[in-house]
Amino acid sequence: MTTENIKTASEVITEFLDTQAKDEALDADTVAAVGKLRKDDDLSKVKLLRKLEEARKAALKADVADAEEAGDD
């Protein structure tokens, strides 16, 4: 018989999200949005897709604003 500690799904997801939060290569707003859904115990496929879409639109909007500012020089 083994005494190996098998993690629960909740522990695996929490560990994964904690690791993602430390990855500077990832979009911080996206990771924060997913983490907030998880923290609020509101992480579902539909809500995750909505949050990802909102983050994508915000990033695109910021890119357009940056491009317009750069063009004003």
N, C-alpha and C. Protein backbone atom coordinates (compact mmCIF):
# COMPACT_ATOMS: atom_id res chain seq x y z
N MET A 1 0.85 -1.18 0.00
CA MET A 1 0.00 0.00 0.00
C MET A 1 0.90 1.24 0.00
N THR A 2 0.49 2.22 -0.76
CA THR A 2 1.28 3.45 -0.88
C THR A 2 0.71 4.56 0.00
N THR A 3 1.59 5.42 0.44
CA THR A 3 1.16 6.56 1.24
C THR A 3 1.31 7.85 0.44
N GLU A 4 1.38 7.70 -0.87
CA GLU A 4 1.52 8.85 -1.77
C GLU A 4 0.32 9.77 -1.64
N ASN A 5 0.60 11.06 -1.58
CA ASN A 5 -0.48 12.05 -1.46
C ASN A 5 -1.00 12.37 -2.86
N ILE A 6 -2.22 11.99 -3.11
CA ILE A 6 -2.85 12.29 -4.41
C ILE A 6 -3.65 13.57 -4.25
N LYS A 7 -3.32 14.55 -5.09
CA LYS A 7 -3.96 15.86 -5.00
C LYS A 7 -5.40 15.79 -5.52
N THR A 8 -6.23 16.62 -4.92
CA THR A 8 -7.61 16.74 -5.40
C THR A 8 -7.62 17.62 -6.65
N ALA A 9 -8.71 17.60 -7.38
CA ALA A 9 -8.84 18.46 -8.56
C ALA A 9 -8.70 19.93 -8.17
N SER A 10 -9.28 20.29 -7.07
CA SER A 10 -9.21 21.66 -6.59
C SER A 10 -7.76 22.07 -6.32
N GLU A 11 -6.99 21.19 -5.70
CA GLU A 11 -5.59 21.48 -5.42
C GLU A 11 -4.78 21.62 -6.71
N VAL A 12 -5.06 20.77 -7.67
CA VAL A 12 -4.36 20.83 -8.95
C VAL A 12 -4.65 22.15 -9.67
N ILE A 13 -5.91 22.54 -9.70
CA ILE A 13 -6.31 23.79 -10.37
C ILE A 13 -5.69 24.99 -9.67
N THR A 14 -5.74 24.99 -8.35
CA THR A 14 -5.16 26.10 -7.59
C THR A 14 -3.66 26.20 -7.84
N GLU A 15 -2.98 25.09 -7.82
CA GLU A 15 -1.54 25.07 -8.07
C GLU A 15 -1.23 25.57 -9.49
N PHE A 16 -2.03 25.13 -10.46
CA PHE A 16 -1.85 25.56 -11.84
C PHE A 16 -2.03 27.08 -11.97
N LEU A 17 -3.08 27.61 -11.38
CA LEU A 17 -3.34 29.05 -11.47
C LEU A 17 -2.27 29.85 -10.75
N ASP A 18 -1.78 29.35 -9.64
CA ASP A 18 -0.69 30.03 -8.93
C ASP A 18 0.57 30.07 -9.78
N THR A 19 0.85 28.99 -10.48
CA THR A 19 2.01 28.93 -11.37
C THR A 19 1.84 29.91 -12.53
N GLN A 20 0.65 29.97 -13.08
CA GLN A 20 0.39 30.89 -14.20
C GLN A 20 0.52 32.34 -13.76
N ALA A 21 0.11 32.65 -12.55
CA ALA A 21 0.18 34.02 -12.04
C ALA A 21 1.62 34.50 -11.94
N LYS A 22 2.56 33.58 -11.76
CA LYS A 22 3.97 33.93 -11.64
C LYS A 22 4.67 34.03 -13.00
N ASP A 23 4.03 33.59 -14.06
CA ASP A 23 4.62 33.57 -15.40
C ASP A 23 4.48 34.94 -16.04
N GLU A 24 5.58 35.67 -16.15
CA GLU A 24 5.56 37.02 -16.69
C GLU A 24 5.30 37.06 -18.19
N ALA A 25 5.41 35.92 -18.86
CA ALA A 25 5.15 35.86 -20.29
C ALA A 25 3.66 35.88 -20.61
N LEU A 26 2.84 35.62 -19.61
CA LEU A 26 1.39 35.59 -19.81
C LEU A 26 0.79 36.95 -19.52
N ASP A 27 -0.34 37.23 -20.13
CA ASP A 27 -1.06 38.48 -19.90
C ASP A 27 -1.60 38.50 -18.47
N ALA A 28 -1.12 39.46 -17.70
CA ALA A 28 -1.47 39.53 -16.28
C ALA A 28 -2.97 39.73 -16.05
N ASP A 29 -3.62 40.54 -16.90
CA ASP A 29 -5.06 40.77 -16.74
C ASP A 29 -5.87 39.50 -16.98
N THR A 30 -5.44 38.71 -17.95
CA THR A 30 -6.14 37.46 -18.25
C THR A 30 -5.99 36.48 -17.09
N VAL A 31 -4.77 36.35 -16.60
CA VAL A 31 -4.51 35.43 -15.49
C VAL A 31 -5.29 35.88 -14.25
N ALA A 32 -5.34 37.19 -14.02
CA ALA A 32 -6.09 37.72 -12.87
C ALA A 32 -7.58 37.44 -13.00
N ALA A 33 -8.11 37.58 -14.21
CA ALA A 33 -9.54 37.33 -14.43
C ALA A 33 -9.89 35.87 -14.15
N VAL A 34 -9.04 34.96 -14.62
CA VAL A 34 -9.29 33.53 -14.37
C VAL A 34 -9.14 33.23 -12.88
N GLY A 35 -8.13 33.81 -12.26
CA GLY A 35 -7.93 33.60 -10.83
C GLY A 35 -9.09 34.11 -10.01
N LYS A 36 -9.66 35.24 -10.41
CA LYS A 36 -10.81 35.80 -9.68
C LYS A 36 -12.02 34.89 -9.81
N LEU A 37 -12.25 34.36 -11.00
CA LEU A 37 -13.37 33.42 -11.17
C LEU A 37 -13.19 32.21 -10.25
N ARG A 38 -11.97 31.72 -10.18
CA ARG A 38 -11.68 30.55 -9.34
C ARG A 38 -11.87 30.90 -7.87
N LYS A 39 -11.35 32.06 -7.46
CA LYS A 39 -11.45 32.48 -6.07
C LYS A 39 -12.91 32.65 -5.65
N ASP A 40 -13.72 33.20 -6.56
CA ASP A 40 -15.13 33.43 -6.28
C ASP A 40 -15.97 32.16 -6.44
N ASP A 41 -15.29 31.04 -6.73
CA ASP A 41 -15.96 29.75 -6.95
C ASP A 41 -16.99 29.89 -8.07
N ASP A 42 -16.59 30.60 -9.12
CA ASP A 42 -17.49 30.91 -10.23
C ASP A 42 -16.88 30.50 -11.57
N LEU A 43 -15.94 29.57 -11.54
CA LEU A 43 -15.22 29.17 -12.75
C LEU A 43 -16.02 28.13 -13.52
N SER A 44 -16.66 28.59 -14.59
CA SER A 44 -17.40 27.69 -15.47
C SER A 44 -16.92 27.95 -16.89
N LYS A 45 -17.22 27.06 -17.78
CA LYS A 45 -16.78 27.21 -19.17
C LYS A 45 -17.29 28.51 -19.78
N VAL A 46 -18.57 28.80 -19.61
CA VAL A 46 -19.17 29.99 -20.20
C VAL A 46 -18.56 31.26 -19.61
N LYS A 47 -18.44 31.31 -18.30
CA LYS A 47 -17.89 32.52 -17.67
C LYS A 47 -16.42 32.68 -17.99
N LEU A 48 -15.69 31.58 -18.09
CA LEU A 48 -14.28 31.66 -18.47
C LEU A 48 -14.15 32.21 -19.88
N LEU A 49 -14.94 31.71 -20.81
CA LEU A 49 -14.88 32.21 -22.18
C LEU A 49 -15.25 33.68 -22.27
N ARG A 50 -16.24 34.09 -21.49
CA ARG A 50 -16.61 35.52 -21.47
C ARG A 50 -15.47 36.39 -20.96
N LYS A 51 -14.85 35.97 -19.86
CA LYS A 51 -13.74 36.75 -19.28
C LYS A 51 -12.55 36.80 -20.24
N LEU A 52 -12.27 35.70 -20.91
CA LEU A 52 -11.17 35.69 -21.87
C LEU A 52 -11.47 36.61 -23.05
N GLU A 53 -12.71 36.63 -23.49
CA GLU A 53 -13.11 37.53 -24.58
C GLU A 53 -13.01 38.99 -24.15
N GLU A 54 -13.43 39.28 -22.92
CA GLU A 54 -13.31 40.65 -22.41
C GLU A 54 -11.85 41.08 -22.33
N ALA A 55 -10.99 40.20 -21.87
CA ALA A 55 -9.57 40.51 -21.77
C ALA A 55 -8.96 40.71 -23.16
N ARG A 56 -9.38 39.89 -24.12
CA ARG A 56 -8.88 40.02 -25.49
C ARG A 56 -9.30 41.36 -26.08
N LYS A 57 -10.55 41.75 -25.89
CA LYS A 57 -11.03 43.02 -26.42
C LYS A 57 -10.31 44.20 -25.76
N ALA A 58 -10.08 44.11 -24.46
CA ALA A 58 -9.38 45.19 -23.75
C ALA A 58 -7.94 45.31 -24.26
N ALA A 59 -7.30 44.20 -24.51
CA ALA A 59 -5.92 44.22 -25.01
C ALA A 59 -5.88 44.81 -26.42
N LEU A 60 -6.84 44.45 -27.26
CA LEU A 60 -6.89 45.00 -28.61
C LEU A 60 -7.15 46.50 -28.58
N LYS A 61 -8.04 46.91 -27.70
CA LYS A 61 -8.36 48.33 -27.56
C LYS A 61 -7.12 49.11 -27.12
N ALA A 62 -6.37 48.55 -26.18
CA ALA A 62 -5.14 49.19 -25.70
C ALA A 62 -4.11 49.27 -26.82
N ASP A 63 -4.01 48.23 -27.64
CA ASP A 63 -3.07 48.23 -28.76
C ASP A 63 -3.43 49.32 -29.77
N VAL A 64 -4.71 49.48 -30.04
CA VAL A 64 -5.16 50.51 -30.99
C VAL A 64 -4.85 51.90 -30.43
N ALA A 65 -5.10 52.09 -29.15
CA ALA A 65 -4.84 53.39 -28.52
C ALA A 65 -3.34 53.70 -28.55
N ASP A 66 -2.50 52.70 -28.29
CA ASP A 66 -1.06 52.89 -28.34
C ASP A 66 -0.59 53.23 -29.75
N ALA A 67 -1.18 52.58 -30.74
CA ALA A 67 -0.81 52.83 -32.13
C ALA A 67 -1.21 54.24 -32.55
N GLU A 68 -2.37 54.68 -32.08
CA GLU A 68 -2.82 56.04 -32.41
C GLU A 68 -1.93 57.08 -31.75
N GLU A 69 -1.51 56.82 -30.51
CA GLU A 69 -0.60 57.74 -29.82
C GLU A 69 0.74 57.82 -30.54
N ALA A 70 1.24 56.69 -30.98
CA ALA A 70 2.51 56.66 -31.68
C ALA A 70 2.42 57.38 -33.02
N GLY A 71 1.26 57.37 -33.62
CA GLY A 71 1.05 58.05 -34.89
C GLY A 71 0.91 59.56 -34.75
N ASP A 72 0.65 60.03 -33.54
CA ASP A 72 0.49 61.47 -33.30
C ASP A 72 1.81 62.21 -33.27
N ASP A 73 2.93 61.51 -33.21
CA ASP A 73 4.23 62.18 -33.12
C ASP A 73 4.59 62.93 -34.34
